[in-house]
């Protein structure tokens, strides 16, 4: 799943977030949008799991801060 997480006004340790996400899904990718306070996340986790993982790192965002994005997977790579 792909998500956008609004982290405006919230402390977010990108290294710690990457670590817990990769522990849950070794293929997870997370980065910070350079123009907005938004984390972009791609990981095989549910919205609830993502919230829990973020909270583990001290990134206390409310549920409405997490927005699932539509899949862009074409299935061509077999993944």
C-alpha atoms as a PDB file:
ATOM      1  CA  UNK A   1       0.000   0.000   0.000  1.00  0.00           C
ATOM      2  CA  UNK A   2       1.021   3.565  -0.545  1.00  0.00           C
ATOM      3  CA  UNK A   3       0.243   6.282   1.966  1.00  0.00           C
ATOM      4  CA  UNK A   4       0.717   9.971   2.538  1.00  0.00           C
ATOM      5  CA  UNK A   5       1.055  10.977   6.183  1.00  0.00           C
ATOM      6  CA  UNK A   6       0.612  14.617   7.161  1.00  0.00           C
ATOM      7  CA  UNK A   7       3.220  15.250   9.855  1.00  0.00           C
ATOM      8  CA  UNK A   8       2.720  19.029  10.207  1.00  0.00           C
ATOM      9  CA  UNK A   9       3.593  19.993  13.781  1.00  0.00           C
ATOM     10  CA  UNK A  10       4.617  16.449  14.729  1.00  0.00           C
ATOM     11  CA  UNK A  11       8.121  15.264  15.567  1.00  0.00           C
ATOM     12  CA  UNK A  12       9.184  12.653  13.036  1.00  0.00           C
ATOM     13  CA  UNK A  13      12.503  10.784  13.085  1.00  0.00           C
ATOM     14  CA  UNK A  14      12.789   9.570   9.489  1.00  0.00           C
ATOM     15  CA  UNK A  15      15.574   7.113  10.360  1.00  0.00           C
ATOM     16  CA  UNK A  16      13.548   5.503  13.144  1.00  0.00           C
ATOM     17  CA  UNK A  17      10.435   5.372  10.967  1.00  0.00           C
ATOM     18  CA  UNK A  18      12.395   3.713   8.174  1.00  0.00           C
ATOM     19  CA  UNK A  19      13.808   1.186  10.638  1.00  0.00           C
ATOM     20  CA  UNK A  20      10.441   0.066  12.052  1.00  0.00           C
ATOM     21  CA  UNK A  21       8.817  -0.011   8.615  1.00  0.00           C
ATOM     22  CA  UNK A  22      11.629  -2.141   7.185  1.00  0.00           C
ATOM     23  CA  UNK A  23      11.316  -4.498  10.159  1.00  0.00           C
ATOM     24  CA  UNK A  24       7.644  -4.966   9.233  1.00  0.00           C
ATOM     25  CA  UNK A  25       8.276  -5.054   5.463  1.00  0.00           C
ATOM     26  CA  UNK A  26      11.873  -5.303   4.200  1.00  0.00           C
ATOM     27  CA  UNK A  27      10.817  -3.710   0.900  1.00  0.00           C
ATOM     28  CA  UNK A  28       9.249  -0.654   2.587  1.00  0.00           C
ATOM     29  CA  UNK A  29      10.198   2.805   1.377  1.00  0.00           C
ATOM     30  CA  UNK A  30       9.623   6.081   3.221  1.00  0.00           C
ATOM     31  CA  UNK A  31      10.655   9.610   2.368  1.00  0.00           C
ATOM     32  CA  UNK A  32       9.715  13.173   3.157  1.00  0.00           C
ATOM     33  CA  UNK A  33       8.110  15.296   0.474  1.00  0.00           C
ATOM     34  CA  UNK A  34      10.576  18.179   0.073  1.00  0.00           C
ATOM     35  CA  UNK A  35       7.806  20.770  -0.408  1.00  0.00           C
ATOM     36  CA  UNK A  36       5.231  19.777   2.220  1.00  0.00           C
ATOM     37  CA  UNK A  37       5.220  18.198   5.696  1.00  0.00           C
ATOM     38  CA  UNK A  38       4.144  14.850   4.228  1.00  0.00           C
ATOM     39  CA  UNK A  39       5.756  11.435   4.616  1.00  0.00           C
ATOM     40  CA  UNK A  40       5.368   9.234   1.570  1.00  0.00           C
ATOM     41  CA  UNK A  41       5.215   5.576   2.552  1.00  0.00           C
ATOM     42  CA  UNK A  42       5.117   2.414   0.477  1.00  0.00           C
ATOM     43  CA  UNK A  43       4.821  -0.723   2.585  1.00  0.00           C
ATOM     44  CA  UNK A  44       2.840  -3.930   2.895  1.00  0.00           C
ATOM     45  CA  UNK A  45       1.005  -2.778   6.031  1.00  0.00           C
ATOM     46  CA  UNK A  46      -2.543  -1.724   6.822  1.00  0.00           C
ATOM     47  CA  UNK A  47      -3.430   1.807   7.838  1.00  0.00           C
ATOM     48  CA  UNK A  48      -3.769   0.679  11.454  1.00  0.00           C
ATOM     49  CA  UNK A  49      -0.404  -1.080  11.371  1.00  0.00           C
ATOM     50  CA  UNK A  50       1.221   2.021   9.891  1.00  0.00           C
ATOM     51  CA  UNK A  51      -0.242   4.197  12.650  1.00  0.00           C
ATOM     52  CA  UNK A  52       1.062   1.772  15.284  1.00  0.00           C
ATOM     53  CA  UNK A  53       4.529   1.721  13.749  1.00  0.00           C
ATOM     54  CA  UNK A  54       4.645   5.507  13.552  1.00  0.00           C
ATOM     55  CA  UNK A  55       3.556   5.779  17.187  1.00  0.00           C
ATOM     56  CA  UNK A  56       6.355   3.362  18.167  1.00  0.00           C
ATOM     57  CA  UNK A  57       8.836   5.953  16.889  1.00  0.00           C
ATOM     58  CA  UNK A  58       7.168   8.837  18.728  1.00  0.00           C
ATOM     59  CA  UNK A  59       5.481  10.175  15.598  1.00  0.00           C
ATOM     60  CA  UNK A  60       2.045  10.624  17.175  1.00  0.00           C
ATOM     61  CA  UNK A  61      -0.182  11.407  14.216  1.00  0.00           C
ATOM     62  CA  UNK A  62      -3.972  11.066  14.386  1.00  0.00           C
ATOM     63  CA  UNK A  63      -5.719   8.518  12.160  1.00  0.00           C
ATOM     64  CA  UNK A  64      -6.987  11.242   9.816  1.00  0.00           C
ATOM     65  CA  UNK A  65      -3.370  12.243   9.043  1.00  0.00           C
ATOM     66  CA  UNK A  66      -2.867   8.981   7.129  1.00  0.00           C
ATOM     67  CA  UNK A  67      -4.240   8.968   3.597  1.00  0.00           C
ATOM     68  CA  UNK A  68      -4.085   5.762   1.523  1.00  0.00           C
ATOM     69  CA  UNK A  69      -3.077   6.386  -2.068  1.00  0.00           C
ATOM     70  CA  UNK A  70      -4.364   4.411  -5.042  1.00  0.00           C
ATOM     71  CA  UNK A  71      -2.066   1.684  -6.266  1.00  0.00           C
ATOM     72  CA  UNK A  72       0.101   2.428  -9.285  1.00  0.00           C
ATOM     73  CA  UNK A  73       1.123  -1.214  -9.650  1.00  0.00           C
ATOM     74  CA  UNK A  74       0.579  -2.584 -13.138  1.00  0.00           C
ATOM     75  CA  UNK A  75       1.459  -6.132 -12.045  1.00  0.00           C
ATOM     76  CA  UNK A  76       4.022  -6.381 -14.847  1.00  0.00           C
ATOM     77  CA  UNK A  77       6.937  -7.270 -12.571  1.00  0.00           C
ATOM     78  CA  UNK A  78       4.992 -10.106 -10.928  1.00  0.00           C
ATOM     79  CA  UNK A  79       4.938  -8.295  -7.573  1.00  0.00           C
END
